[in-house]
């Protein structure tokens, strides 16, 4: 017999939702819906995100309960050594055009879920299917499940590519993915005029499911509109948050009353990453990796590697992977080339099981690996050599306990990136106020950016209303286990 929780769980992920903005909006009386949910539930202001702090990697962590070493999606853009090419899920228009729209669409719509996401690491949707609990996803980029679905490319878009019009995929029981999978009839066509990836589409679909009493036991809904204006105007911009609260009010209204919404559904709302304010152009906020490493033969966007290619640069906004393809290119030499750039924050590389970290500004260095010497706040055990100030770590020598500061959960998050895929590479992060670029990477001068290990990129809010349960730790990587526990604690016969 299939089971269903006594209450449905509605999980809303809001791109670039930040605690400081919520606090300010509540103080000003501008966020009635969020205020209502917080007053009736839990408000965790410092949920630790994944690394790099990019939506693709974060979604993969949230829905697998693992960091990048196990889910194997290293970033929004990365280099696949086995295929000898760059994987780009959509970093910027100019890069997409140069890499090829075929590649980008195929990687994002198909390969991400069906190939790149580690098949040996089960997703939340797969776990819930095994338990007989129905689930759904609206606009989630990571959606792999057990149920067969068909994605359809709009005619005009299919005409720009050589990809087939229809694509078979595996997802949760209910899958809505913008214009590619819009399974409900009777909704206005206008909600997918932008391919269905603005907030009006997930809002309309969720409201429809509520009103028709068709909510699955668990529904993941992704709201993206807040991200772009904050990238452009900076993390102090509040307009996107006010708009989201109005959308949330509309969703609460669809239950008949806000009180009924709490009776019928457990609400969970969280951000995916924070954003760090980027300095204006006159402050020189852009760190041009392609110019700092101009002495090497670099792979150009849209080109294939050759025997002469020495480096591949994959920039994830405030974080980058720098791949050394030829044995003659030594990682220590790249560190030497870059450590004189004061706008860089961290340089990190791996030598067998040891991970090295250099804090450029402090000129402090350490190396670490899993071990038994030190225990961190999440009961993870490490061996560390060198200067712990490199990662802002403080240590209690008597209790052998570690405490983290400006870099949340840095040891496991950074290790995850280093063991996420094969190759010799250097991890680079930018200091607060700065961002990395390479050739045609997008920039956000005077706006906001994320991607790095720093707390301003890494800490997001989590609101839970309708249950007293909470995650074991306030980390994105712990949410999958929390959700399964929530959905199985009280179950009843269901469809």
Protein backbone atom coordinates (compact mmCIF):
# COMPACT_ATOMS: atom_id res chain seq x y z
CA UNK A 1 0.00 0.00 0.00
CA UNK A 2 1.24 3.46 -0.84
CA UNK A 3 1.61 5.90 2.00
CA UNK A 4 1.27 9.64 2.25
CA UNK A 5 2.16 12.04 5.06
CA UNK A 6 -0.70 13.41 7.12
CA UNK A 7 0.17 16.85 5.69
CA UNK A 8 1.56 17.72 2.28
CA UNK A 9 4.94 19.39 2.18
CA UNK A 10 5.38 22.45 -0.03
CA UNK A 11 9.05 23.31 -0.50
CA UNK A 12 9.76 26.70 -2.09
CA UNK A 13 13.32 27.49 -3.17
CA UNK A 14 13.81 31.20 -3.84
CA UNK A 15 16.92 32.17 -5.79
CA UNK A 16 19.05 34.71 -3.87
CA UNK A 17 16.68 34.97 -0.89
CA UNK A 18 18.71 36.43 1.99
CA UNK A 19 18.07 36.81 5.72
CA UNK A 20 19.17 40.44 6.00
CA UNK A 21 16.59 41.41 3.39
CA UNK A 22 13.82 39.45 5.15
CA UNK A 23 14.68 41.10 8.47
CA UNK A 24 14.62 44.55 6.90
CA UNK A 25 11.35 43.90 5.05
CA UNK A 26 9.63 42.61 8.19
CA UNK A 27 10.85 45.61 10.19
CA UNK A 28 9.35 47.89 7.54
CA UNK A 29 6.07 45.94 7.54
CA UNK A 30 6.43 45.12 3.82
CA UNK A 31 6.42 41.28 4.01
CA UNK A 32 3.09 40.12 5.46
CA UNK A 33 3.23 36.57 4.04
CA UNK A 34 6.77 35.81 5.17
CA UNK A 35 6.04 37.46 8.54
CA UNK A 36 2.99 35.20 8.97
CA UNK A 37 4.96 32.01 8.26
CA UNK A 38 7.84 33.05 10.51
CA UNK A 39 5.51 33.96 13.38
CA UNK A 40 3.93 30.51 13.18
CA UNK A 41 7.09 28.48 12.62
CA UNK A 42 10.88 28.31 12.68
CA UNK A 43 13.26 30.86 11.16
CA UNK A 44 16.86 29.71 10.65
CA UNK A 45 18.94 32.63 9.38
CA UNK A 46 22.19 30.80 8.60
CA UNK A 47 21.57 27.69 6.55
CA UNK A 48 24.90 26.67 4.97
CA UNK A 49 24.70 26.29 1.20
CA UNK A 50 26.78 24.03 -1.05
CA UNK A 51 30.02 24.95 -2.88
CA UNK A 52 30.49 26.43 -5.36
CA UNK A 53 27.49 28.54 -4.43
CA UNK A 54 25.78 28.23 -7.82
CA UNK A 55 22.18 27.08 -8.26
CA UNK A 56 22.95 23.91 -10.26
CA UNK A 57 25.35 22.59 -7.62
CA UNK A 58 23.12 23.71 -4.75
CA UNK A 59 20.05 21.96 -6.19
CA UNK A 60 22.12 18.82 -6.64
CA UNK A 61 23.18 18.96 -3.00
CA UNK A 62 19.68 19.68 -1.73
CA UNK A 63 18.07 16.83 -3.69
CA UNK A 64 20.76 14.21 -3.08
CA UNK A 65 21.80 15.13 0.47
CA UNK A 66 25.45 15.08 -0.59
CA UNK A 67 28.20 17.50 -1.49
CA UNK A 68 29.81 17.62 -4.92
CA UNK A 69 32.19 14.71 -4.29
CA UNK A 70 29.18 12.38 -4.33
CA UNK A 71 26.63 14.03 -6.61
CA UNK A 72 29.31 14.92 -9.21
CA UNK A 73 27.90 18.21 -10.50
CA UNK A 74 30.91 20.50 -9.88
CA UNK A 75 29.47 23.84 -10.92
CA UNK A 76 27.52 25.85 -13.45
CA UNK A 77 30.51 25.49 -15.77
CA UNK A 78 33.25 22.83 -15.55
CA UNK A 79 35.59 20.78 -17.73
CA UNK A 80 34.84 17.13 -18.45
CA UNK A 81 38.20 15.45 -19.00
CA UNK A 82 36.63 12.24 -20.33
CA UNK A 83 34.76 14.11 -23.07
CA UNK A 84 37.49 16.69 -23.54
CA UNK A 85 35.05 19.61 -23.45
CA UNK A 86 33.55 22.29 -21.24
CA UNK A 87 30.14 21.61 -19.70
CA UNK A 88 28.19 24.86 -19.48
CA UNK A 89 24.62 24.87 -18.17
CA UNK A 90 24.18 28.55 -19.03
CA UNK A 91 26.64 31.03 -17.49
CA UNK A 92 25.98 33.90 -19.89
CA UNK A 93 24.58 34.65 -23.35
CA UNK A 94 27.94 35.29 -25.03
CA UNK A 95 29.43 32.07 -23.66
CA UNK A 96 26.34 30.09 -24.70
CA UNK A 97 26.58 31.38 -28.27
CA UNK A 98 30.29 30.60 -28.47
CA UNK A 99 29.94 27.16 -26.87
CA UNK A 100 26.92 26.38 -29.04
CA UNK A 101 23.24 26.47 -28.14
CA UNK A 102 22.95 22.74 -28.93
CA UNK A 103 25.49 21.86 -26.28
CA UNK A 104 24.09 24.16 -23.62
CA UNK A 105 20.50 23.01 -24.07
CA UNK A 106 21.44 19.35 -24.17
CA UNK A 107 23.64 19.64 -21.08
CA UNK A 108 21.01 21.57 -19.09
CA UNK A 109 17.81 19.84 -20.18
CA UNK A 110 19.09 16.28 -20.60
CA UNK A 111 22.67 15.50 -19.55
CA UNK A 112 22.50 17.21 -16.15
CA UNK A 113 19.86 14.83 -14.82
CA UNK A 114 20.29 11.76 -16.98
CA UNK A 115 24.10 11.63 -17.15
CA UNK A 116 26.12 14.11 -15.06
CA UNK A 117 24.24 13.72 -11.76
CA UNK A 118 25.81 10.63 -10.21
CA UNK A 119 23.49 7.66 -10.97
CA UNK A 120 24.82 5.90 -7.85
CA UNK A 121 23.56 8.73 -5.61
CA UNK A 122 19.76 8.58 -5.26
CA UNK A 123 17.72 11.76 -5.41
CA UNK A 124 14.95 12.67 -2.99
CA UNK A 125 12.40 11.85 -5.71
CA UNK A 126 13.85 8.37 -6.18
CA UNK A 127 13.87 7.75 -2.44
CA UNK A 128 10.27 8.90 -2.07
CA UNK A 129 9.18 6.69 -4.97
CA UNK A 130 10.77 3.72 -3.21
CA UNK A 131 8.73 4.60 -0.11
CA UNK A 132 5.52 4.92 -2.12
CA UNK A 133 5.23 8.68 -1.53
CA UNK A 134 4.18 10.85 -4.47
CA UNK A 135 6.35 13.85 -5.31
CA UNK A 136 6.53 16.68 -7.81
CA UNK A 137 8.83 19.36 -9.16
CA UNK A 138 8.02 22.70 -10.76
CA UNK A 139 10.94 24.32 -12.58
CA UNK A 140 13.55 22.46 -10.56
CA UNK A 141 16.73 22.10 -12.60
CA UNK A 142 17.53 18.82 -10.85
CA UNK A 143 14.49 16.56 -11.19
CA UNK A 144 15.65 12.96 -11.69
CA UNK A 145 13.11 10.41 -10.46
CA UNK A 146 11.55 7.09 -11.41
CA UNK A 147 8.58 8.19 -13.54
CA UNK A 148 8.75 8.50 -17.34
CA UNK A 149 8.13 11.96 -18.80
CA UNK A 150 8.53 13.60 -22.17
CA UNK A 151 10.10 17.02 -22.62
CA UNK A 152 9.14 18.96 -25.74
CA UNK A 153 11.16 21.76 -27.29
CA UNK A 154 9.04 24.68 -28.55
CA UNK A 155 8.95 24.72 -32.36
CA UNK A 156 10.84 28.00 -32.65
CA UNK A 157 13.58 26.80 -30.28
CA UNK A 158 13.86 23.38 -31.91
CA UNK A 159 14.46 25.18 -35.20
CA UNK A 160 17.60 26.78 -33.75
CA UNK A 161 19.09 23.43 -32.76
CA UNK A 162 19.67 19.95 -34.14
CA UNK A 163 18.13 18.39 -31.03
CA UNK A 164 15.02 16.22 -31.32
CA UNK A 165 11.64 17.89 -30.66
CA UNK A 166 10.86 15.33 -27.94
CA UNK A 167 13.09 13.95 -25.23
CA UNK A 168 12.29 11.14 -22.81
CA UNK A 169 13.44 11.72 -19.21
CA UNK A 170 12.89 10.32 -15.73
CA UNK A 171 11.40 12.57 -13.07
CA UNK A 172 9.08 12.65 -10.04
CA UNK A 173 5.39 11.74 -10.36
CA UNK A 174 4.51 15.31 -11.38
CA UNK A 175 7.00 17.25 -13.51
CA UNK A 176 6.50 20.80 -14.77
CA UNK A 177 9.57 22.29 -16.42
CA UNK A 178 8.61 25.57 -18.03
CA UNK A 179 7.57 25.31 -21.66
CA UNK A 180 9.47 22.01 -21.95
CA UNK A 181 6.98 20.16 -19.75
CA UNK A 182 3.69 21.90 -18.99
CA UNK A 183 1.35 19.03 -18.07
CA UNK A 184 -1.71 21.02 -16.98
CA UNK A 185 -4.49 22.05 -19.33
CA UNK A 186 -6.48 25.24 -18.99
CA UNK A 187 -3.68 27.54 -17.84
CA UNK A 188 -3.17 30.75 -19.85
CA UNK A 189 -0.50 30.55 -22.56
CA UNK A 190 0.98 33.83 -21.32
CA UNK A 191 2.59 32.10 -18.36
CA UNK A 192 5.06 30.36 -20.70
CA UNK A 193 5.83 33.28 -23.01
CA UNK A 194 9.26 33.47 -21.35
CA UNK A 195 9.67 29.67 -21.66
CA UNK A 196 7.94 29.39 -18.31
CA UNK A 197 10.99 30.20 -16.22
CA UNK A 198 9.75 33.40 -14.59
CA UNK A 199 7.82 33.23 -11.32
CA UNK A 200 4.37 33.53 -12.89
CA UNK A 201 4.60 29.96 -14.22
CA UNK A 202 5.45 28.09 -10.98
CA UNK A 203 2.99 30.32 -9.10
CA UNK A 204 0.13 29.55 -11.52
CA UNK A 205 0.86 25.81 -11.58
CA UNK A 206 1.09 25.57 -7.78
CA UNK A 207 -2.13 27.54 -7.29
CA UNK A 208 -3.89 25.26 -9.79
CA UNK A 209 -2.76 22.13 -7.95
CA UNK A 210 -3.94 23.59 -4.64
CA UNK A 211 -7.37 24.60 -5.93
CA UNK A 212 -7.90 21.27 -7.70
CA UNK A 213 -6.74 19.37 -4.59
CA UNK A 214 -3.98 17.72 -6.64
CA UNK A 215 -0.91 18.55 -4.58
CA UNK A 216 1.46 15.57 -4.34
CA UNK A 217 2.72 14.65 -0.87
CA UNK A 218 5.92 16.58 -1.60
CA UNK A 219 6.20 19.43 -4.10
CA UNK A 220 9.40 21.33 -4.91
CA UNK A 221 8.82 24.76 -6.48
CA UNK A 222 11.62 27.00 -7.79
CA UNK A 223 11.19 30.80 -7.92
CA UNK A 224 13.93 32.52 -9.96
CA UNK A 225 12.89 36.14 -10.52
CA UNK A 226 14.70 37.65 -7.53
CA UNK A 227 18.16 36.64 -8.77
CA UNK A 228 18.69 38.83 -11.85
CA UNK A 229 17.81 42.24 -10.37
CA UNK A 230 20.06 41.57 -7.36
CA UNK A 231 22.90 40.64 -9.71
CA UNK A 232 22.31 43.97 -11.44
CA UNK A 233 21.53 46.25 -8.49
CA UNK A 234 23.21 44.52 -5.57
CA UNK A 235 22.04 42.67 -2.43
CA UNK A 236 20.51 45.81 -0.92
CA UNK A 237 17.80 45.81 -3.63
CA UNK A 238 14.46 44.90 -2.04
CA UNK A 239 12.06 45.05 -4.99
CA UNK A 240 12.38 41.37 -5.86
CA UNK A 241 11.64 40.33 -2.28
CA UNK A 242 8.52 42.50 -2.11
CA UNK A 243 7.35 40.89 -5.37
CA UNK A 244 7.96 37.39 -4.03
CA UNK A 245 5.99 38.15 -0.87
CA UNK A 246 3.02 39.21 -3.03
CA UNK A 247 3.31 35.91 -4.89
CA UNK A 248 3.43 34.06 -1.57
CA UNK A 249 0.30 35.93 -0.43
CA UNK A 250 -1.46 34.76 -3.60
CA UNK A 251 -0.39 31.19 -2.92
CA UNK A 252 -1.62 31.32 0.69
CA UNK A 253 -4.91 32.80 -0.52
CA UNK A 254 -5.45 29.83 -2.84
CA UNK A 255 -6.12 27.65 0.24
CA UNK A 256 -9.14 29.78 1.19
CA UNK A 257 -7.44 31.40 4.15
CA UNK A 258 -3.95 31.62 5.52
CA UNK A 259 -4.98 29.60 8.57
CA UNK A 260 -6.24 26.79 6.33
CA UNK A 261 -2.95 26.92 4.43
CA UNK A 262 -1.12 26.07 7.67
CA UNK A 263 -3.59 23.31 8.52
CA UNK A 264 -3.26 21.60 5.15
CA UNK A 265 0.41 22.04 4.30
CA UNK A 266 3.83 22.08 5.94
CA UNK A 267 5.61 25.09 4.43
CA UNK A 268 9.36 25.20 3.85
CA UNK A 269 10.99 28.21 2.20
CA UNK A 270 14.72 28.65 1.68
CA UNK A 271 17.22 30.58 -0.37
CA UNK A 272 19.87 28.82 -2.44
CA UNK A 273 22.81 31.22 -2.09
CA UNK A 274 23.50 34.67 -0.79
CA UNK A 275 24.99 37.46 -2.89
CA UNK A 276 28.00 39.61 -2.16
CA UNK A 277 27.97 43.25 -3.23
CA UNK A 278 30.33 43.84 -6.14
CA UNK A 279 32.25 47.10 -6.23
CA UNK A 280 31.41 49.64 -8.97
CA UNK A 281 33.51 49.77 -12.17
CA UNK A 282 35.71 52.62 -10.92
CA UNK A 283 36.85 50.38 -8.05
CA UNK A 284 38.18 47.76 -10.49
CA UNK A 285 36.14 44.79 -9.20
CA UNK A 286 36.86 42.36 -12.03
CA UNK A 287 39.76 39.88 -11.73
CA UNK A 288 40.70 38.87 -15.31
CA UNK A 289 42.10 35.35 -15.02
CA UNK A 290 42.72 35.18 -18.77
CA UNK A 291 45.05 38.17 -18.51
CA UNK A 292 46.78 36.98 -15.35
CA UNK A 293 47.50 33.67 -17.10
CA UNK A 294 48.11 35.04 -20.58
CA UNK A 295 51.40 33.16 -20.91
CA UNK A 296 49.58 29.84 -21.29
CA UNK A 297 47.76 28.31 -24.24
CA UNK A 298 44.14 28.48 -23.09
CA UNK A 299 41.07 26.76 -24.46
CA UNK A 300 38.86 29.35 -26.13
CA UNK A 301 35.03 29.23 -25.76
CA UNK A 302 33.42 26.96 -28.33
CA UNK A 303 36.73 25.37 -29.36
CA UNK A 304 38.03 21.86 -28.79
CA UNK A 305 41.20 21.03 -26.95
CA UNK A 306 44.33 20.26 -28.96
CA UNK A 307 47.66 18.70 -27.91
CA UNK A 308 48.89 22.26 -27.36
CA UNK A 309 46.11 23.31 -24.97
CA UNK A 310 47.60 23.98 -21.54
CA UNK A 311 44.79 25.51 -19.49
CA UNK A 312 41.00 25.53 -19.34
CA UNK A 313 39.32 28.33 -17.36
CA UNK A 314 35.82 27.71 -16.03
CA UNK A 315 34.49 30.71 -14.09
CA UNK A 316 31.54 30.32 -11.73
CA UNK A 317 31.15 34.04 -10.93
CA UNK A 318 33.16 34.48 -7.69
CA UNK A 319 34.74 31.04 -7.98
CA UNK A 320 36.70 29.36 -10.77
CA UNK A 321 38.25 26.04 -11.73
CA UNK A 322 41.58 26.32 -13.56
CA UNK A 323 42.49 23.02 -15.25
CA UNK A 324 46.07 22.08 -16.10
CA UNK A 325 45.90 19.77 -19.13
CA UNK A 326 49.55 19.28 -19.94
CA UNK A 327 51.99 17.64 -17.48
CA UNK A 328 54.40 20.51 -18.04
CA UNK A 329 51.93 22.91 -16.39
CA UNK A 330 52.55 22.70 -12.65
CA UNK A 331 49.88 23.73 -10.16
CA UNK A 332 52.48 25.40 -7.85
CA UNK A 333 53.47 27.60 -10.80
CA UNK A 334 49.83 28.68 -11.26
CA UNK A 335 49.66 29.49 -7.56
CA UNK A 336 52.80 31.62 -7.92
CA UNK A 337 51.25 33.43 -10.90
CA UNK A 338 48.04 34.24 -9.03
CA UNK A 339 49.01 34.80 -5.40
CA UNK A 340 50.30 38.30 -6.13
CA UNK A 341 46.77 39.39 -7.11
CA UNK A 342 45.40 40.91 -3.86
CA UNK A 343 41.75 40.74 -4.99
CA UNK A 344 41.88 36.94 -4.94
CA UNK A 345 40.75 35.41 -1.65
CA UNK A 346 41.62 31.69 -1.68
CA UNK A 347 43.75 29.40 -3.84
CA UNK A 348 43.24 25.68 -3.26
CA UNK A 349 44.61 22.53 -4.87
CA UNK A 350 44.84 18.81 -4.20
CA UNK A 351 47.86 16.53 -3.91
CA UNK A 352 46.55 12.97 -3.59
CA UNK A 353 44.37 12.96 -0.43
CA UNK A 354 45.70 16.29 0.89
CA UNK A 355 43.89 19.54 0.12
CA UNK A 356 46.00 22.68 0.23
CA UNK A 357 44.58 26.16 0.90
CA UNK A 358 46.37 29.51 0.61
CA UNK A 359 44.63 32.63 1.90
CA UNK A 360 46.16 35.27 -0.37
CA UNK A 361 45.41 38.34 1.75
CA UNK A 362 46.68 36.81 5.00
CA UNK A 363 49.51 34.87 3.37
CA UNK A 364 48.46 31.88 5.50
CA UNK A 365 48.51 28.30 4.28
CA UNK A 366 47.26 24.92 5.51
CA UNK A 367 46.65 21.45 4.21
CA UNK A 368 44.08 18.95 5.46
CA UNK A 369 42.46 15.58 4.89
CA UNK A 370 39.95 13.34 6.67
CA UNK A 371 41.45 12.06 9.91
CA UNK A 372 40.95 11.65 13.65
CA UNK A 373 42.80 14.62 15.14
CA UNK A 374 40.13 17.34 15.05
CA UNK A 375 36.32 17.30 15.21
CA UNK A 376 34.30 20.09 13.59
CA UNK A 377 30.83 21.41 14.57
CA UNK A 378 29.18 18.80 12.30
CA UNK A 379 31.06 15.90 13.94
CA UNK A 380 33.31 15.46 10.90
CA UNK A 381 36.89 14.50 11.67
CA UNK A 382 40.02 15.97 10.11
CA UNK A 383 43.79 16.07 10.16
CA UNK A 384 45.13 19.58 9.63
CA UNK A 385 48.67 20.85 9.17
CA UNK A 386 49.67 24.49 8.90
CA UNK A 387 47.96 27.76 9.79
CA UNK A 388 44.25 27.43 10.51
CA UNK A 389 43.79 31.16 9.96
CA UNK A 390 43.92 30.35 6.23
CA UNK A 391 40.26 29.27 6.52
CA UNK A 392 39.32 31.37 9.52
CA UNK A 393 39.26 28.30 11.78
CA UNK A 394 39.71 28.51 15.51
CA UNK A 395 40.70 25.44 17.50
CA UNK A 396 40.35 24.20 21.06
CA UNK A 397 43.56 22.16 21.59
CA UNK A 398 42.29 20.54 24.79
CA UNK A 399 38.94 19.33 23.41
CA UNK A 400 40.27 18.91 19.87
CA UNK A 401 37.25 20.83 18.59
CA UNK A 402 37.12 23.23 15.65
CA UNK A 403 34.96 26.33 15.19
CA UNK A 404 34.28 27.96 11.83
CA UNK A 405 33.94 31.66 11.06
CA UNK A 406 33.72 33.51 7.76
CA UNK A 407 33.87 30.27 5.74
CA UNK A 408 30.96 28.02 6.80
CA UNK A 409 31.67 24.25 6.81
CA UNK A 410 34.78 24.96 4.70
CA UNK A 411 36.62 21.67 5.01
CA UNK A 412 33.90 19.36 3.71
CA UNK A 413 32.54 21.85 1.13
CA UNK A 414 35.96 22.53 -0.36
CA UNK A 415 36.89 18.83 -0.28
CA UNK A 416 33.65 18.12 -2.11
CA UNK A 417 34.70 20.35 -5.00
CA UNK A 418 38.17 18.82 -5.20
CA UNK A 419 36.88 15.24 -5.33
CA UNK A 420 33.87 16.00 -7.56
CA UNK A 421 35.48 15.20 -10.91
CA UNK A 422 38.76 14.06 -12.40
CA UNK A 423 41.65 16.20 -13.51
CA UNK A 424 44.37 18.45 -12.13
CA UNK A 425 42.87 21.80 -11.24
CA UNK A 426 43.20 24.85 -9.04
CA UNK A 427 40.19 26.30 -7.19
CA UNK A 428 40.16 30.11 -7.03
CA UNK A 429 37.76 32.35 -5.12
CA UNK A 430 37.44 36.13 -5.20
CA UNK A 431 37.52 38.35 -2.13
CA UNK A 432 34.41 40.26 -1.00
CA UNK A 433 33.59 43.00 -3.50
CA UNK A 434 35.25 41.23 -6.44
CA UNK A 435 34.39 38.68 -9.13
CA UNK A 436 36.37 36.51 -11.51
CA UNK A 437 36.16 36.57 -15.31
CA UNK A 438 37.74 34.73 -18.21
CA UNK A 439 37.38 35.87 -21.82
CA UNK A 440 33.60 36.25 -22.24
CA UNK A 441 32.34 35.62 -18.71
CA UNK A 442 29.44 37.86 -17.58
CA UNK A 443 30.19 40.55 -15.00
CA UNK A 444 28.05 42.26 -12.34
CA UNK A 445 30.00 45.41 -11.56
CA UNK A 446 28.18 47.52 -9.00
CA UNK A 447 25.69 44.69 -8.48
CA UNK A 448 25.98 41.35 -6.72
CA UNK A 449 27.56 37.95 -7.21
CA UNK A 450 28.03 34.56 -5.60
CA UNK A 451 29.97 31.34 -6.10
CA UNK A 452 32.62 31.60 -3.40
CA UNK A 453 33.16 29.86 -0.07
CA UNK A 454 32.68 33.09 1.90
CA UNK A 455 29.77 33.44 4.31
CA UNK A 456 28.13 36.27 2.34
CA UNK A 457 27.67 33.84 -0.56
CA UNK A 458 27.05 30.79 1.59
CA UNK A 459 24.46 31.57 4.30
CA UNK A 460 20.76 31.61 3.43
CA UNK A 461 17.45 31.66 5.32
CA UNK A 462 15.30 28.60 6.02
CA UNK A 463 11.68 28.98 7.16
CA UNK A 464 9.78 25.89 8.39
CA UNK A 465 6.10 26.23 9.34
CA UNK A 466 3.77 23.39 10.27
CA UNK A 467 6.12 21.02 12.09
CA UNK A 468 8.40 21.03 15.12
CA UNK A 469 10.92 18.82 13.35
CA UNK A 470 14.16 20.42 12.22
CA UNK A 471 17.28 19.33 10.31
CA UNK A 472 20.11 17.70 12.27
CA UNK A 473 22.31 20.64 11.25
CA UNK A 474 21.57 23.95 9.60
CA UNK A 475 23.08 22.94 6.27
CA UNK A 476 21.65 22.41 2.79
CA UNK A 477 23.25 18.96 2.71
CA UNK A 478 21.09 17.89 5.67
CA UNK A 479 17.73 18.84 4.14
CA UNK A 480 17.10 15.64 2.18
CA UNK A 481 17.26 13.47 5.32
CA UNK A 482 15.08 16.02 7.13
CA UNK A 483 12.46 15.93 4.38
CA UNK A 484 12.34 12.14 4.30
CA UNK A 485 11.96 12.11 8.08
CA UNK A 486 9.20 14.73 7.85
CA UNK A 487 7.36 12.81 5.13
CA UNK A 488 7.58 9.44 6.87
CA UNK A 489 7.14 10.35 10.54
CA UNK A 490 3.33 10.36 10.33
CA UNK A 491 1.99 8.48 7.34
CA UNK A 492 -1.45 7.38 6.30
CA UNK A 493 -2.85 5.43 3.31
CA UNK A 494 -2.70 7.64 0.24
CA UNK A 495 -2.49 7.80 -3.50
